[in-house]
Amino acid sequence: MSSAPESEPALSPPPTLSGLPDSETLELLTHGRMEVVGRLVEATNMTLYCSITLGATTAACVYKPVRGERPLWDFPDGTLAAREVAAFEVSRAIGWRIVPPTVHREGPFGPGMCQLWIDTEEETDLMALVRSRHPALRRMAVFDAVVNNADRKGGHLLPQPDGHVYGVDHGVCFAAEDKLRTVLWQWRGKALTREALETLAVLERDLESGALGRRLRELLTLAEVEATWLRVRRLLDTGLHPYPSKDWPAVPWPPI
């Protein structure tokens, strides 16, 4: 039985990135000339820091080629880049701007994921942020429950000077089996906010018969898209943030 939805202070709309409208940012990421600047050596999969230029506009981006993905026992080979794009599509559909603009395109090392680079507020204590009840993290906890994020580490949070928090590294999302593994369990069992319930209701319709459902079927298997719809339906039916699974580790390792 669901509880009455919680109320919370309204969040201001998240800012656009790179000073460009979303459509122009996606145009830049899709058609810009990409040049590799360096490699993020701590990343599990090949992750390249690049500059990308289209006309007079240049920005920084992250490029993860499919050929650099390490095989995983529980996700099909060569699918992580598409899952990153699918996470962006869900983020864009719900309007919370959790995932930076992300596209699937050809790059210097073949097809892969290209995502706008986000600078962070370097003075932020990530451990304190992870333990907080920041409303942007509560939105992210709902988002992660929808996309079935199996790896929400503290290091995947990108806090901004204005208080907004972006999330990155969504390659191990959208499994058909429940695999939610996150550091954001502060709201487990708590009633979802009214905003979250209203957003999920719109998302359910978009997954079932809208543009988002059609787009996700281009990026994921049909079973994975159906499982995403079922997770949204479950959240609406219970009205609650999920509890950790008894059959799956609740927190990724390392947590940060």
Protein backbone atom coordinates (compact mmCIF):
# COMPACT_ATOMS: atom_id res chain seq x y z
CA MET A 1 0.00 0.00 0.00
CA SER A 2 1.49 3.35 -0.96
CA SER A 3 2.02 6.22 1.46
CA ALA A 4 1.05 9.83 0.92
CA PRO A 5 3.66 11.54 -1.25
CA GLU A 6 6.22 13.68 0.55
CA SER A 7 6.59 17.35 -0.20
CA GLU A 8 9.92 19.16 -0.50
CA PRO A 9 11.20 22.58 -1.55
CA ALA A 10 10.90 23.07 -5.30
CA LEU A 11 14.15 22.76 -7.23
CA SER A 12 15.07 25.38 -9.78
CA PRO A 13 15.39 24.08 -13.35
CA PRO A 14 18.87 22.64 -13.99
CA PRO A 15 21.05 24.84 -16.21
CA THR A 16 21.84 24.17 -19.82
CA LEU A 17 25.41 23.14 -20.55
CA SER A 18 28.22 24.72 -22.55
CA GLY A 19 26.17 27.90 -22.96
CA LEU A 20 24.30 26.31 -25.88
CA PRO A 21 20.71 25.14 -26.28
CA ASP A 22 20.37 21.37 -25.94
CA SER A 23 19.76 20.94 -29.66
CA GLU A 24 23.01 22.73 -30.53
CA THR A 25 24.95 20.79 -27.89
CA LEU A 26 23.73 17.49 -29.38
CA GLU A 27 24.57 18.76 -32.87
CA LEU A 28 28.10 19.55 -31.68
CA LEU A 29 28.53 16.12 -30.09
CA THR A 30 27.09 14.29 -33.09
CA HIS A 31 28.85 16.10 -35.95
CA GLY A 32 31.83 17.87 -34.38
CA ARG A 33 35.43 17.00 -35.19
CA MET A 34 36.82 15.03 -32.25
CA GLU A 35 40.47 15.08 -31.22
CA VAL A 36 41.86 12.95 -28.39
CA VAL A 37 43.62 14.99 -25.72
CA GLY A 38 44.28 12.32 -23.09
CA ARG A 39 43.03 9.23 -21.32
CA LEU A 40 41.30 8.90 -17.93
CA VAL A 41 43.49 6.12 -16.61
CA GLU A 42 41.41 5.31 -13.51
CA ALA A 43 38.37 4.31 -15.59
CA THR A 44 37.59 0.60 -15.93
CA ASN A 45 36.89 0.87 -19.66
CA MET A 46 38.78 2.97 -22.21
CA THR A 47 37.71 6.55 -21.48
CA LEU A 48 39.24 9.34 -23.55
CA TYR A 49 39.19 13.07 -22.84
CA CYS A 50 38.68 14.88 -26.12
CA SER A 51 38.05 18.26 -27.67
CA ILE A 52 35.19 18.53 -30.12
CA THR A 53 34.73 21.34 -32.64
CA LEU A 54 31.93 22.34 -34.97
CA GLY A 55 32.31 25.63 -36.79
CA ALA A 56 33.40 28.24 -34.25
CA THR A 57 32.28 26.17 -31.24
CA THR A 58 34.68 23.97 -29.27
CA ALA A 59 33.96 22.02 -26.11
CA ALA A 60 35.45 19.18 -24.09
CA CYS A 61 33.90 15.73 -24.17
CA VAL A 62 34.34 12.15 -22.98
CA TYR A 63 34.58 9.45 -25.63
CA LYS A 64 34.22 5.75 -24.75
CA PRO A 65 34.76 3.56 -27.82
CA VAL A 66 32.96 0.24 -27.91
CA ARG A 67 36.24 -1.52 -28.71
CA GLY A 68 37.58 -0.38 -25.32
CA GLU A 69 34.79 -1.97 -23.26
CA ARG A 70 35.88 -4.78 -20.94
CA PRO A 71 33.67 -7.90 -21.11
CA LEU A 72 31.25 -8.33 -18.21
CA TRP A 73 29.62 -11.55 -17.09
CA ASP A 74 26.17 -10.00 -16.67
CA PHE A 75 25.93 -7.57 -19.62
CA PRO A 76 26.26 -8.43 -23.31
CA ASP A 77 29.57 -7.45 -24.92
CA GLY A 78 29.67 -4.17 -26.80
CA THR A 79 26.46 -2.72 -25.32
CA LEU A 80 27.73 -0.28 -22.67
CA ALA A 81 27.92 2.76 -24.96
CA ALA A 82 24.30 2.31 -26.04
CA ARG A 83 23.24 2.02 -22.38
CA GLU A 84 24.93 5.34 -21.64
CA VAL A 85 22.93 6.94 -24.44
CA ALA A 86 19.73 5.28 -23.20
CA ALA A 87 20.33 6.76 -19.74
CA PHE A 88 20.63 10.21 -21.29
CA GLU A 89 17.39 9.68 -23.23
CA VAL A 90 15.53 8.86 -19.99
CA SER A 91 17.13 11.83 -18.23
CA ARG A 92 16.07 14.12 -21.07
CA ALA A 93 12.54 12.72 -21.11
CA ILE A 94 11.96 13.38 -17.41
CA GLY A 95 13.50 16.85 -17.59
CA TRP A 96 15.81 16.54 -14.60
CA ARG A 97 19.07 16.86 -16.56
CA ILE A 98 20.79 14.19 -14.51
CA VAL A 99 22.87 12.86 -17.40
CA PRO A 100 24.92 15.29 -19.53
CA PRO A 101 24.15 15.33 -23.27
CA THR A 102 25.28 12.01 -24.73
CA VAL A 103 25.28 10.56 -28.25
CA HIS A 104 26.44 7.43 -30.05
CA ARG A 105 28.80 8.22 -32.92
CA GLU A 106 31.93 7.33 -34.83
CA GLY A 107 35.16 8.49 -33.26
CA PRO A 108 38.93 8.12 -33.67
CA PHE A 109 38.74 4.50 -32.40
CA GLY A 110 35.43 3.51 -33.94
CA PRO A 111 31.85 3.82 -32.73
CA GLY A 112 31.23 4.71 -29.12
CA MET A 113 29.65 7.03 -26.60
CA CYS A 114 30.41 10.75 -26.72
CA GLN A 115 29.32 12.86 -23.71
CA LEU A 116 29.81 16.52 -22.90
CA TRP A 117 32.51 17.00 -20.29
CA ILE A 118 31.30 18.49 -16.99
CA ASP A 119 33.62 20.36 -14.64
CA THR A 120 32.83 19.87 -10.94
CA GLU A 121 32.84 21.93 -7.80
CA GLU A 122 36.23 20.73 -6.56
CA GLU A 123 35.74 21.85 -2.95
CA THR A 124 32.74 19.56 -2.44
CA ASP A 125 33.23 16.75 0.09
CA LEU A 126 31.86 13.77 -1.86
CA MET A 127 31.44 11.62 1.25
CA ALA A 128 29.39 14.35 2.90
CA LEU A 129 27.37 14.84 -0.29
CA VAL A 130 26.66 11.11 -0.60
CA ARG A 131 25.38 11.00 2.99
CA SER A 132 23.26 14.13 2.61
CA ARG A 133 19.60 14.48 1.77
CA HIS A 134 20.25 16.87 -1.08
CA PRO A 135 17.03 17.09 -3.15
CA ALA A 136 18.99 16.68 -6.40
CA LEU A 137 20.27 13.35 -5.09
CA ARG A 138 16.73 12.29 -4.27
CA ARG A 139 15.79 12.86 -7.89
CA MET A 140 18.86 10.84 -8.87
CA ALA A 141 17.80 7.99 -6.57
CA VAL A 142 14.48 7.83 -8.43
CA PHE A 143 16.24 7.97 -11.78
CA ASP A 144 18.60 5.15 -10.75
CA ALA A 145 15.65 3.00 -9.69
CA VAL A 146 14.09 3.52 -13.13
CA VAL A 147 17.22 2.72 -15.16
CA ASN A 148 18.31 -0.05 -12.75
CA ASN A 149 21.73 1.47 -12.16
CA ALA A 150 24.13 -1.23 -10.97
CA ASP A 151 27.00 1.15 -10.22
CA ARG A 152 26.08 4.49 -8.61
CA LYS A 153 29.36 5.37 -6.91
CA GLY A 154 30.05 8.65 -5.16
CA GLY A 155 32.67 9.39 -7.80
CA HIS A 156 29.94 9.34 -10.43
CA LEU A 157 28.38 12.46 -8.91
CA LEU A 158 29.39 15.80 -10.44
CA PRO A 159 28.34 18.62 -8.07
CA GLN A 160 28.03 22.11 -9.55
CA PRO A 161 28.59 25.53 -7.97
CA ASP A 162 24.86 26.31 -8.21
CA GLY A 163 23.93 23.17 -6.25
CA HIS A 164 22.88 21.01 -9.19
CA VAL A 165 24.37 17.49 -9.33
CA TYR A 166 24.99 15.59 -12.55
CA GLY A 167 25.53 11.84 -12.76
CA VAL A 168 27.80 9.95 -15.16
CA ASP A 169 28.94 6.40 -15.97
CA HIS A 170 25.68 4.65 -16.83
CA GLY A 171 27.09 1.76 -18.86
CA VAL A 172 25.75 -0.91 -16.50
CA CYS A 173 22.11 0.14 -16.45
CA PHE A 174 18.88 -1.31 -17.88
CA ALA A 175 19.46 -4.98 -17.09
CA ALA A 176 16.20 -6.92 -17.19
CA GLU A 177 16.99 -8.43 -13.76
CA ASP A 178 16.96 -6.15 -10.70
CA LYS A 179 20.54 -4.98 -10.13
CA LEU A 180 20.15 -1.64 -8.34
CA ARG A 181 23.42 -0.95 -6.53
CA THR A 182 23.99 2.55 -5.22
CA VAL A 183 25.33 4.75 -2.45
CA LEU A 184 22.03 6.68 -2.38
CA TRP A 185 19.88 4.64 0.01
CA GLN A 186 18.90 7.55 2.28
CA TRP A 187 15.29 7.41 1.12
CA ARG A 188 14.75 3.64 1.09
CA GLY A 189 11.16 2.87 1.98
CA LYS A 190 10.22 6.57 2.09
CA ALA A 191 7.26 7.91 0.18
CA LEU A 192 8.10 9.33 -3.22
CA THR A 193 7.62 13.06 -3.62
CA ARG A 194 4.61 14.38 -5.50
CA GLU A 195 6.96 15.66 -8.20
CA ALA A 196 8.47 12.19 -8.61
CA LEU A 197 5.05 10.53 -8.88
CA GLU A 198 3.87 13.03 -11.49
CA THR A 199 7.10 12.60 -13.46
CA LEU A 200 6.90 8.80 -13.31
CA ALA A 201 3.30 8.85 -14.55
CA VAL A 202 4.38 10.81 -17.64
CA LEU A 203 7.41 8.55 -18.08
CA GLU A 204 5.25 5.43 -17.99
CA ARG A 205 3.14 6.69 -20.88
CA ASP A 206 6.20 7.77 -22.83
CA LEU A 207 7.78 4.33 -22.42
CA GLU A 208 4.61 2.52 -23.37
CA SER A 209 3.55 4.45 -26.45
CA GLY A 210 5.71 7.54 -26.87
CA ALA A 211 8.95 8.66 -28.44
CA LEU A 212 11.05 7.48 -25.50
CA GLY A 213 9.88 3.89 -25.83
CA ARG A 214 10.65 3.91 -29.55
CA ARG A 215 14.11 5.39 -28.93
CA LEU A 216 14.99 2.91 -26.20
CA ARG A 217 14.03 0.01 -28.44
CA GLU A 218 16.76 1.21 -30.80
CA LEU A 219 19.34 1.07 -27.99
CA LEU A 220 18.25 -1.84 -25.77
CA THR A 221 16.59 -5.22 -26.10
CA LEU A 222 12.81 -5.42 -26.02
CA ALA A 223 13.03 -7.31 -22.70
CA GLU A 224 15.10 -4.49 -21.19
CA VAL A 225 12.66 -1.82 -22.35
CA GLU A 226 9.73 -3.79 -20.94
CA ALA A 227 11.60 -4.25 -17.65
CA THR A 228 12.15 -0.48 -17.49
CA TRP A 229 8.40 0.10 -17.89
CA LEU A 230 7.72 -2.46 -15.17
CA ARG A 231 10.10 -0.71 -12.76
CA VAL A 232 8.27 2.56 -13.35
CA ARG A 233 4.94 0.82 -12.81
CA ARG A 234 6.24 -0.70 -9.55
CA LEU A 235 7.34 2.70 -8.25
CA LEU A 236 3.93 4.14 -9.04
CA ASP A 237 2.09 1.21 -7.46
CA THR A 238 4.08 1.33 -4.20
CA GLY A 239 4.61 5.07 -4.06
CA LEU A 240 7.89 4.34 -2.28
CA HIS A 241 11.61 4.51 -2.89
CA PRO A 242 12.80 0.90 -3.25
CA TYR A 243 14.58 -1.10 -0.58
CA PRO A 244 17.92 -2.82 -1.27
CA SER A 245 17.65 -6.31 -2.71
CA LYS A 246 18.31 -9.29 -0.45
CA ASP A 247 19.85 -11.15 -3.40
CA TRP A 248 22.25 -8.52 -4.74
CA PRO A 249 24.95 -6.32 -3.14
CA ALA A 250 23.34 -3.01 -2.20
CA VAL A 251 26.43 -0.79 -2.57
CA PRO A 252 29.02 -0.80 -5.39
CA TRP A 253 32.68 -1.36 -4.58
CA PRO A 254 34.53 0.85 -4.13
CA PRO A 255 31.68 3.15 -3.03
CA ILE A 256 33.55 6.30 -4.10
